[in-house]
Protein backbone atom coordinates (compact mmCIF):
# COMPACT_ATOMS: atom_id res chain seq x y z
CA UNK A 1 114.27 57.30 -132.71
CA UNK A 2 113.23 54.42 -130.81
CA UNK A 3 110.61 52.37 -132.11
CA UNK A 4 107.79 53.55 -129.97
CA UNK A 5 104.18 53.03 -130.62
CA UNK A 6 102.28 55.98 -131.52
CA UNK A 7 98.60 56.21 -131.90
CA UNK A 8 97.45 59.62 -133.83
CA UNK A 9 93.62 60.65 -133.89
CA UNK A 10 92.28 63.36 -136.03
CA UNK A 11 89.47 64.25 -138.38
CA UNK A 12 88.89 63.22 -142.08
CA UNK A 13 86.62 63.58 -144.82
CA UNK A 14 85.68 61.22 -147.78
CA UNK A 15 87.23 58.23 -145.91
CA UNK A 16 87.14 54.97 -148.35
CA UNK A 17 88.84 51.73 -147.94
CA UNK A 18 90.27 49.63 -150.71
CA UNK A 19 91.14 46.13 -150.34
CA UNK A 20 93.83 43.78 -151.65
CA UNK A 21 92.54 42.54 -155.25
CA UNK A 22 94.49 39.70 -155.14
CA UNK A 23 93.27 38.08 -151.74
CA UNK A 24 90.57 39.73 -149.72
CA UNK A 25 91.89 37.85 -146.69
CA UNK A 26 95.60 39.82 -146.63
CA UNK A 27 95.93 42.48 -143.85
CA UNK A 28 97.49 44.65 -146.70
CA UNK A 29 94.66 47.40 -147.76
CA UNK A 30 94.82 50.45 -149.10
CA UNK A 31 93.13 53.92 -147.49
CA UNK A 32 92.32 57.23 -149.04
CA UNK A 33 90.61 60.32 -147.12
CA UNK A 34 91.15 64.12 -146.99
CA UNK A 35 92.48 66.15 -144.12
CA UNK A 36 91.94 69.81 -143.19
CA UNK A 37 95.62 71.07 -143.24
CA UNK A 38 94.93 72.38 -139.94
CA UNK A 39 94.31 69.05 -138.68
CA UNK A 40 97.46 67.22 -139.71
CA UNK A 41 99.05 66.13 -137.09
CA UNK A 42 102.80 67.52 -136.07
CA UNK A 43 103.73 64.15 -134.76
CA UNK A 44 104.06 62.72 -137.98
CA UNK A 45 107.23 64.59 -138.23
CA UNK A 46 109.18 62.05 -136.17
CA UNK A 47 108.00 59.55 -138.76
CA UNK A 48 110.09 60.45 -141.93
CA UNK A 49 113.10 58.09 -141.83
CA UNK A 50 111.20 55.73 -144.64
CA UNK A 51 111.27 58.56 -146.76
CA UNK A 52 114.31 58.27 -149.35
CA UNK A 53 114.54 61.92 -149.71
CA UNK A 54 115.40 64.76 -147.41
CA UNK A 55 113.25 67.39 -147.26
CA UNK A 56 114.10 71.14 -148.85
CA UNK A 57 111.84 73.53 -148.31
CA UNK A 58 113.84 76.41 -150.19
CA UNK A 59 113.54 74.99 -153.96
CA UNK A 60 111.12 76.22 -156.57
CA UNK A 61 108.66 73.13 -156.26
CA UNK A 62 108.48 73.88 -152.51
CA UNK A 63 107.73 77.59 -152.98
CA UNK A 64 104.83 76.29 -155.19
CA UNK A 65 103.40 74.22 -152.77
CA UNK A 66 103.58 76.67 -149.99
CA UNK A 67 102.06 79.40 -152.41
CA UNK A 68 99.15 76.78 -153.41
CA UNK A 69 98.41 76.04 -149.80
CA UNK A 70 98.42 79.88 -148.62
CA UNK A 71 96.41 80.94 -151.68
CA UNK A 72 92.69 81.87 -151.54
CA UNK A 73 91.77 79.04 -153.78
CA UNK A 74 90.12 75.73 -153.01
CA UNK A 75 91.88 73.65 -155.20
CA UNK A 76 95.03 72.53 -153.16
CA UNK A 77 93.79 68.81 -152.69
CA UNK A 78 93.20 68.69 -156.47
CA UNK A 79 96.90 70.03 -157.39
CA UNK A 80 99.10 68.72 -154.93
CA UNK A 81 99.43 64.61 -155.07
CA UNK A 82 99.29 64.43 -151.29
CA UNK A 83 100.77 62.32 -148.70
CA UNK A 84 101.60 58.42 -148.46
CA UNK A 85 101.97 56.32 -145.28
CA UNK A 86 102.86 53.43 -144.32
CA UNK A 87 100.99 52.22 -141.02
CA UNK A 88 100.56 49.17 -138.72
CA UNK A 89 96.96 49.77 -138.64
CA UNK A 90 94.27 52.32 -139.02
CA UNK A 91 90.47 52.50 -137.89
CA UNK A 92 87.83 54.78 -138.79
CA UNK A 93 84.88 56.14 -136.24
CA UNK A 94 81.93 57.31 -138.59
CA UNK A 95 80.40 58.71 -135.56
CA UNK A 96 83.20 61.25 -135.06
CA UNK A 97 84.52 61.13 -138.47
CA UNK A 98 88.22 60.47 -137.19
CA UNK A 99 90.64 58.21 -137.63
CA UNK A 100 92.98 56.49 -135.36
CA UNK A 101 96.48 55.78 -137.15
CA UNK A 102 98.95 53.64 -135.68
CA UNK A 103 102.83 53.46 -136.49
CA UNK A 104 105.40 51.14 -134.29
CA UNK A 105 108.07 50.76 -136.69
CA UNK A 106 110.08 53.70 -137.99
CA UNK A 107 112.02 51.35 -140.85
CA UNK A 108 108.64 50.22 -141.75
CA UNK A 109 106.27 52.96 -140.89
CA UNK A 110 105.58 56.75 -141.75
CA UNK A 111 105.59 59.12 -144.20
CA UNK A 112 106.95 57.52 -147.79
CA UNK A 113 106.24 60.06 -149.91
CA UNK A 114 105.00 63.75 -149.58
CA UNK A 115 107.50 64.82 -147.02
CA UNK A 116 107.92 68.28 -148.62
CA UNK A 117 104.27 68.95 -148.74
CA UNK A 118 104.20 67.64 -145.24
CA UNK A 119 106.64 69.38 -143.84
CA UNK A 120 105.48 72.61 -145.60
CA UNK A 121 101.79 72.29 -144.24
CA UNK A 122 103.62 71.81 -140.23
CA UNK A 123 105.41 75.11 -141.09
CA UNK A 124 102.48 76.96 -142.21
CA UNK A 125 99.68 76.15 -140.24
CA UNK A 126 99.35 79.05 -138.15
CA UNK A 127 99.21 81.02 -141.58
CA UNK A 128 96.68 79.41 -143.34
CA UNK A 129 93.21 81.30 -143.51
CA UNK A 130 91.01 79.37 -145.79
CA UNK A 131 89.97 75.46 -145.02
CA UNK A 132 92.43 73.73 -147.25
CA UNK A 133 92.62 69.88 -147.67
CA UNK A 134 95.23 67.60 -148.42
CA UNK A 135 94.97 63.84 -149.90
CA UNK A 136 96.03 61.22 -147.45
CA UNK A 137 96.88 57.74 -148.71
CA UNK A 138 97.35 55.31 -146.20
CA UNK A 139 98.97 51.50 -146.78
CA UNK A 140 98.78 48.99 -144.14
CA UNK A 141 101.41 45.85 -143.51
CA UNK A 142 103.46 46.93 -146.25
CA UNK A 143 106.25 44.04 -147.07
CA UNK A 144 108.32 46.05 -149.72
CA UNK A 145 108.64 49.12 -148.02
CA UNK A 146 111.90 49.96 -149.95
CA UNK A 147 110.15 49.10 -153.50
CA UNK A 148 107.25 51.36 -152.53
CA UNK A 149 109.32 54.19 -151.42
CA UNK A 150 111.33 54.22 -154.41
CA UNK A 151 108.52 53.96 -156.79
CA UNK A 152 106.44 56.78 -155.29
CA UNK A 153 109.61 59.04 -155.17
CA UNK A 154 110.29 58.72 -158.87
CA UNK A 155 107.00 59.23 -160.71
CA UNK A 156 108.22 61.69 -162.87
CA UNK A 157 112.03 60.17 -163.54
CA UNK A 158 110.14 57.03 -164.86
CA UNK A 159 109.10 59.00 -167.69
CA UNK A 160 112.61 60.69 -168.03
CA UNK A 161 113.90 57.05 -168.32
CA UNK A 162 111.76 56.35 -170.95
CA UNK A 163 112.45 59.47 -173.13
CA UNK A 164 116.25 58.35 -172.74
CA UNK A 165 115.73 55.03 -173.96
CA UNK A 166 113.87 56.36 -176.96
CA UNK A 167 117.09 58.31 -177.34
CA UNK A 168 119.08 55.60 -177.52
CA UNK A 169 121.25 57.10 -174.21
CA UNK A 170 121.93 53.51 -172.77
CA UNK A 171 122.94 52.02 -176.16
CA UNK A 172 126.73 51.99 -174.99
CA UNK A 173 125.83 50.54 -171.56
CA UNK A 174 123.81 47.79 -173.17
CA UNK A 175 126.69 47.35 -175.39
CA UNK A 176 129.06 46.27 -172.54
CA UNK A 177 126.89 44.17 -170.44
CA UNK A 178 124.59 42.46 -172.81
CA UNK A 179 126.09 38.93 -172.60
CA UNK A 180 127.25 39.38 -169.02
CA UNK A 181 126.12 36.71 -166.56
CA UNK A 182 126.00 36.69 -163.11
CA UNK A 183 124.54 33.48 -161.64
CA UNK A 184 122.44 31.45 -163.85
CA UNK A 185 120.90 34.18 -166.02
CA UNK A 186 121.80 37.42 -168.07
CA UNK A 187 120.94 40.12 -165.46
CA UNK A 188 120.21 42.68 -168.57
CA UNK A 189 117.37 40.67 -169.36
CA UNK A 190 116.12 41.91 -165.85
CA UNK A 191 116.79 45.85 -166.34
CA UNK A 192 113.78 47.97 -167.25
CA UNK A 193 115.00 50.81 -169.57
CA UNK A 194 111.63 52.37 -170.05
CA UNK A 195 108.33 52.63 -168.08
CA UNK A 196 106.29 49.45 -167.62
CA UNK A 197 108.65 47.17 -169.24
CA UNK A 198 107.72 44.29 -167.11
CA UNK A 199 103.83 45.36 -166.28
CA UNK A 200 102.22 42.01 -165.72
CA UNK A 201 104.99 40.03 -166.28
CA UNK A 202 106.25 37.12 -164.15
CA UNK A 203 109.75 38.55 -163.15
CA UNK A 204 110.23 39.15 -159.54
CA UNK A 205 113.62 40.75 -159.73
CA UNK A 206 113.44 43.73 -161.70
CA UNK A 207 116.53 46.34 -161.87
CA UNK A 208 115.74 49.78 -162.78
CA UNK A 209 118.32 51.07 -165.22
CA UNK A 210 119.08 54.16 -162.86
CA UNK A 211 120.22 51.74 -160.61
CA UNK A 212 122.65 50.41 -162.79
CA UNK A 213 124.07 53.98 -163.77
CA UNK A 214 123.89 55.23 -159.90
CA UNK A 215 126.37 51.98 -159.21
CA UNK A 216 128.51 52.88 -162.18
CA UNK A 217 128.49 56.60 -161.44
CA UNK A 218 130.42 55.62 -157.95
CA UNK A 219 133.32 54.32 -160.28
CA UNK A 220 133.29 57.09 -163.00
CA UNK A 221 136.61 58.94 -162.55
CA UNK A 222 135.00 61.64 -164.77
CA UNK A 223 132.40 62.26 -162.15
CA UNK A 224 134.46 61.11 -158.79
CA UNK A 225 138.04 61.35 -158.73
CA UNK A 226 138.80 57.76 -157.18
CA UNK A 227 141.83 59.43 -155.50
CA UNK A 228 139.63 62.16 -153.66
CA UNK A 229 137.43 61.30 -150.61
CA UNK A 230 134.47 63.18 -152.46
CA UNK A 231 131.84 60.50 -151.79
CA UNK A 232 129.10 59.46 -154.56
CA UNK A 233 126.42 59.54 -151.66
CA UNK A 234 124.25 60.92 -154.48
CA UNK A 235 124.49 57.62 -155.97
CA UNK A 236 122.30 55.93 -152.97
CA UNK A 237 120.07 59.30 -152.05
CA UNK A 238 118.89 59.97 -155.50
CA UNK A 239 118.61 57.47 -158.68
CA UNK A 240 116.95 60.43 -160.60
CA UNK A 241 120.09 63.03 -159.80
CA UNK A 242 122.24 60.10 -160.81
CA UNK A 243 120.47 59.57 -163.93
CA UNK A 244 120.58 63.42 -164.94
CA UNK A 245 124.67 63.60 -163.45
CA UNK A 246 125.32 60.64 -166.18
CA UNK A 247 123.39 62.48 -168.79
CA UNK A 248 125.03 65.85 -168.18
CA UNK A 249 128.42 64.37 -168.71
CA UNK A 250 130.40 66.72 -171.03
CA UNK A 251 134.35 67.92 -171.36
CA UNK A 252 135.43 70.10 -169.05
CA UNK A 253 135.42 73.21 -170.92
CA UNK A 254 132.17 72.69 -172.41
CA UNK A 255 129.03 73.51 -170.48
CA UNK A 256 125.54 71.90 -171.94
CA UNK A 257 122.66 71.26 -170.28
CA UNK A 258 121.96 68.03 -172.27
CA UNK A 259 125.76 66.53 -172.09
CA UNK A 260 127.69 65.69 -174.94
CA UNK A 261 126.54 62.18 -175.91
CA UNK A 262 129.96 61.46 -178.07
CA UNK A 263 131.75 62.35 -174.95
CA UNK A 264 129.19 60.27 -172.44
CA UNK A 265 129.55 57.34 -174.43
CA UNK A 266 133.13 57.65 -174.77
CA UNK A 267 133.52 57.65 -171.32
CA UNK A 268 131.19 54.67 -170.73
CA UNK A 269 133.57 52.61 -173.51
CA UNK A 270 136.86 53.58 -171.14
CA UNK A 271 135.24 52.18 -168.20
CA UNK A 272 134.55 48.94 -170.07
CA UNK A 273 136.90 46.76 -168.18
CA UNK A 274 135.50 47.77 -164.46
CA UNK A 275 131.79 47.74 -165.77
CA UNK A 276 131.10 43.95 -165.39
CA UNK A 277 133.37 43.56 -162.05
CA UNK A 278 131.57 46.61 -160.46
CA UNK A 279 128.10 44.56 -160.67
CA UNK A 280 129.87 41.37 -159.90
CA UNK A 281 131.37 42.57 -156.75
CA UNK A 282 128.04 44.34 -155.71
CA UNK A 283 126.80 40.73 -155.70
CA UNK A 284 129.47 39.07 -154.18
CA UNK A 285 129.28 41.48 -151.23
CA UNK A 286 125.53 41.29 -151.11
CA UNK A 287 125.51 37.49 -150.76
CA UNK A 288 128.80 37.20 -148.37
CA UNK A 289 128.19 40.31 -145.89
CA UNK A 290 125.83 38.14 -143.67
CA UNK A 291 128.41 35.28 -143.38
CA UNK A 292 131.45 37.44 -142.73
CA UNK A 293 129.48 38.94 -139.81
CA UNK A 294 128.74 35.42 -138.40
CA UNK A 295 132.51 34.75 -139.04
CA UNK A 296 133.35 37.45 -136.76
CA UNK A 297 130.79 36.59 -134.05
CA UNK A 298 128.50 39.64 -135.22
CA UNK A 299 124.99 38.95 -135.04
CA UNK A 300 123.55 40.54 -138.40
CA UNK A 301 120.64 38.22 -138.35
CA UNK A 302 119.78 40.28 -135.04
CA UNK A 303 119.28 43.35 -137.11
CA UNK A 304 115.73 44.32 -137.96
CA UNK A 305 116.29 45.20 -141.34
CA UNK A 306 118.03 41.59 -141.85
CA UNK A 307 114.58 40.23 -142.12
CA UNK A 308 115.77 37.10 -140.59
CA UNK A 309 113.09 34.30 -140.49
CA UNK A 310 110.62 36.69 -142.06
CA UNK A 311 109.12 34.59 -144.69
CA UNK A 312 106.92 37.39 -145.77
CA UNK A 313 109.63 39.27 -147.50
CA UNK A 314 111.54 37.90 -150.42
CA UNK A 315 114.97 38.24 -150.36
CA UNK A 316 116.77 38.05 -153.63
CA UNK A 317 120.09 39.43 -154.99
CA UNK A 318 120.29 42.27 -156.95
CA UNK A 319 122.15 40.80 -160.00
CA UNK A 320 122.56 36.84 -159.67
CA UNK A 321 118.67 36.64 -158.48
CA UNK A 322 119.33 34.07 -156.17
CA UNK A 323 117.41 33.49 -152.98
CA UNK A 324 119.28 34.85 -149.72
CA UNK A 325 118.79 34.13 -145.88
CA UNK A 326 119.34 37.73 -145.14
CA UNK A 327 118.00 41.38 -146.61
CA UNK A 328 121.16 43.43 -147.46
CA UNK A 329 119.60 46.81 -147.36
CA UNK A 330 120.87 48.99 -150.28
CA UNK A 331 121.90 51.86 -147.55
CA UNK A 332 124.75 49.61 -146.63
CA UNK A 333 125.46 48.25 -150.30
CA UNK A 334 126.34 51.49 -151.69
CA UNK A 335 129.03 52.70 -149.52
CA UNK A 336 130.56 49.25 -149.19
CA UNK A 337 130.69 48.56 -152.96
CA UNK A 338 131.43 52.32 -153.33
CA UNK A 339 134.57 52.17 -151.44
CA UNK A 340 136.40 50.07 -154.07
CA UNK A 341 136.41 53.39 -156.45
CA UNK A 342 139.73 53.75 -154.21
CA UNK A 343 140.98 51.08 -156.42
CA UNK A 344 140.35 52.82 -160.10
CA UNK A 345 143.14 54.09 -162.17
CA UNK A 346 143.06 56.24 -165.34
CA UNK A 347 145.47 56.11 -167.32
CA UNK A 348 146.63 59.86 -168.01
CA UNK A 349 147.06 59.92 -171.59
CA UNK A 350 144.23 57.43 -172.85
CA UNK A 351 141.90 57.79 -170.09
CA UNK A 352 141.23 54.26 -170.21
CA UNK A 353 140.16 53.14 -166.53
CA UNK A 354 141.25 49.77 -164.92
CA UNK A 355 141.76 48.40 -161.26
CA UNK A 356 144.96 49.28 -159.44
CA UNK A 357 144.43 46.08 -157.42
CA UNK A 358 142.01 43.22 -158.04
CA UNK A 359 138.77 44.09 -156.03
CA UNK A 360 137.88 40.56 -155.77
CA UNK A 361 141.00 39.77 -153.61
CA UNK A 362 140.98 42.92 -151.73
CA UNK A 363 137.38 42.12 -150.48
CA UNK A 364 138.79 38.72 -149.54
CA UNK A 365 141.44 40.56 -147.61
CA UNK A 366 139.23 43.48 -146.13
CA UNK A 367 135.94 41.98 -145.97
CA UNK A 368 136.08 41.51 -142.12
CA UNK A 369 137.04 44.98 -141.57
CA UNK A 370 134.72 46.30 -143.85
CA UNK A 371 131.68 44.62 -141.97
CA UNK A 372 133.38 45.52 -138.82
CA UNK A 373 133.15 48.99 -139.76
CA UNK A 374 129.68 49.19 -140.98
CA UNK A 375 128.53 47.55 -137.81
CA UNK A 376 130.28 49.32 -135.40
CA UNK A 377 129.26 52.53 -137.07
CA UNK A 378 125.83 51.93 -137.81
CA UNK A 379 124.40 52.41 -134.51
CA UNK A 380 126.55 55.62 -133.22
CA UNK A 381 126.65 57.45 -136.47
CA UNK A 382 123.20 56.31 -138.30
CA UNK A 383 121.31 55.17 -135.49
CA UNK A 384 120.95 51.58 -136.63
CA UNK A 385 119.21 52.74 -139.77
CA UNK A 386 120.30 51.52 -143.15
CA UNK A 387 118.82 54.59 -144.85
CA UNK A 388 120.97 56.68 -142.44
CA UNK A 389 124.11 54.50 -142.93
CA UNK A 390 123.77 55.26 -146.69
CA UNK A 391 123.89 58.82 -146.08
CA UNK A 392 126.24 59.05 -143.32
CA UNK A 393 129.65 60.55 -144.69
CA UNK A 394 131.52 59.37 -141.78
CA UNK A 395 130.83 55.86 -142.86
CA UNK A 396 131.77 56.35 -146.53
CA UNK A 397 134.83 58.03 -144.94
CA UNK A 398 136.07 55.23 -142.82
CA UNK A 399 135.19 52.48 -145.59
CA UNK A 400 136.78 54.77 -148.60
CA UNK A 401 139.82 55.10 -146.31
CA UNK A 402 140.33 51.76 -145.65
CA UNK A 403 140.67 50.57 -148.92
CA UNK A 404 142.52 53.66 -150.07
CA UNK A 405 145.20 53.22 -147.27
CA UNK A 406 145.12 49.32 -148.26
CA UNK A 407 146.22 50.18 -151.81
CA UNK A 408 149.05 52.41 -150.62
CA UNK A 409 150.40 49.88 -148.20
CA UNK A 410 150.10 47.13 -151.47
CA UNK A 411 152.37 49.50 -153.71
CA UNK A 412 154.91 50.65 -150.93
């Protein structure tokens, strides 16, 4: 969708503004109000790109939302957590009790959380008999859209993460990476293994343990056969799904809702030779991708998502925690790094994992090709949206095949 400025005017109730508590002069502010479900505007359907999840309306959760919306009670606004929107600006007319909502950039503005609720309301507006209200929350001038989207879409997952930390589910991973250093510090010291672990601290670049697991999962031959192009797109699209996929690891002949802890730990240890390199490879690509683009006369800095010359957005590498000139969206990072799973070998007898070729040498050889694949296909296959790049099986295919064929040719 093109970035066309959209102005939406609709009636609301109980409009409240909450200023930034740290600096009242900042443009960033939060607004809350209720909207009659019958008045929710259809035009917001074109502003869902910032939502990290696809909206599936045939799930149990969606059915419960629909049933609550169409029921005869008047507590939908209490049972449903509502819709969160990032916007350029918002204004309220206390004479008409209407707001004017302005959205102008589909990579920064739109429905961040509550996409399922929104789509269900729109699909059922003709069937709603009683006045049903939904809670709206609007935040203006959001500078860290990815962080806000991830936090708001994983509220349940944070608790799951904390429970698994208490169970010791991450101990095996800790054992491998605890002393690993990328850059000038141990990135292990910035990993959040449980809820609010760094709440109120000085750290600026915290790594969610689910991110660690999602990246590891891409190279796990017990989850994804490295010789088969069944791409681990879920690693990008769902951190909680990635966590559950990891926790449910069990031998092929064993079905267990909670997985098999001993088997899972054994799998991690079999990947021990890969894991430190995986995170270093991520860091290498994250820092070098923009420069490679420059070297081949491709203008990465001209992409909106690069945030070039945007000092309001802090650009820091995930693992080495170094300041960057450009933002590297995770929608690009996951398929780029994930392509290198084509280099993983698993010993048929022991199950031990190793690299068929040195991934860093392969990056040096193939980096121009990888960058070209991303930049050439990003507009045609993904509308130049990093989120759509991360979800595009065509782009995952092209990157994976590039590395896989290179490995075959080296062995020939």
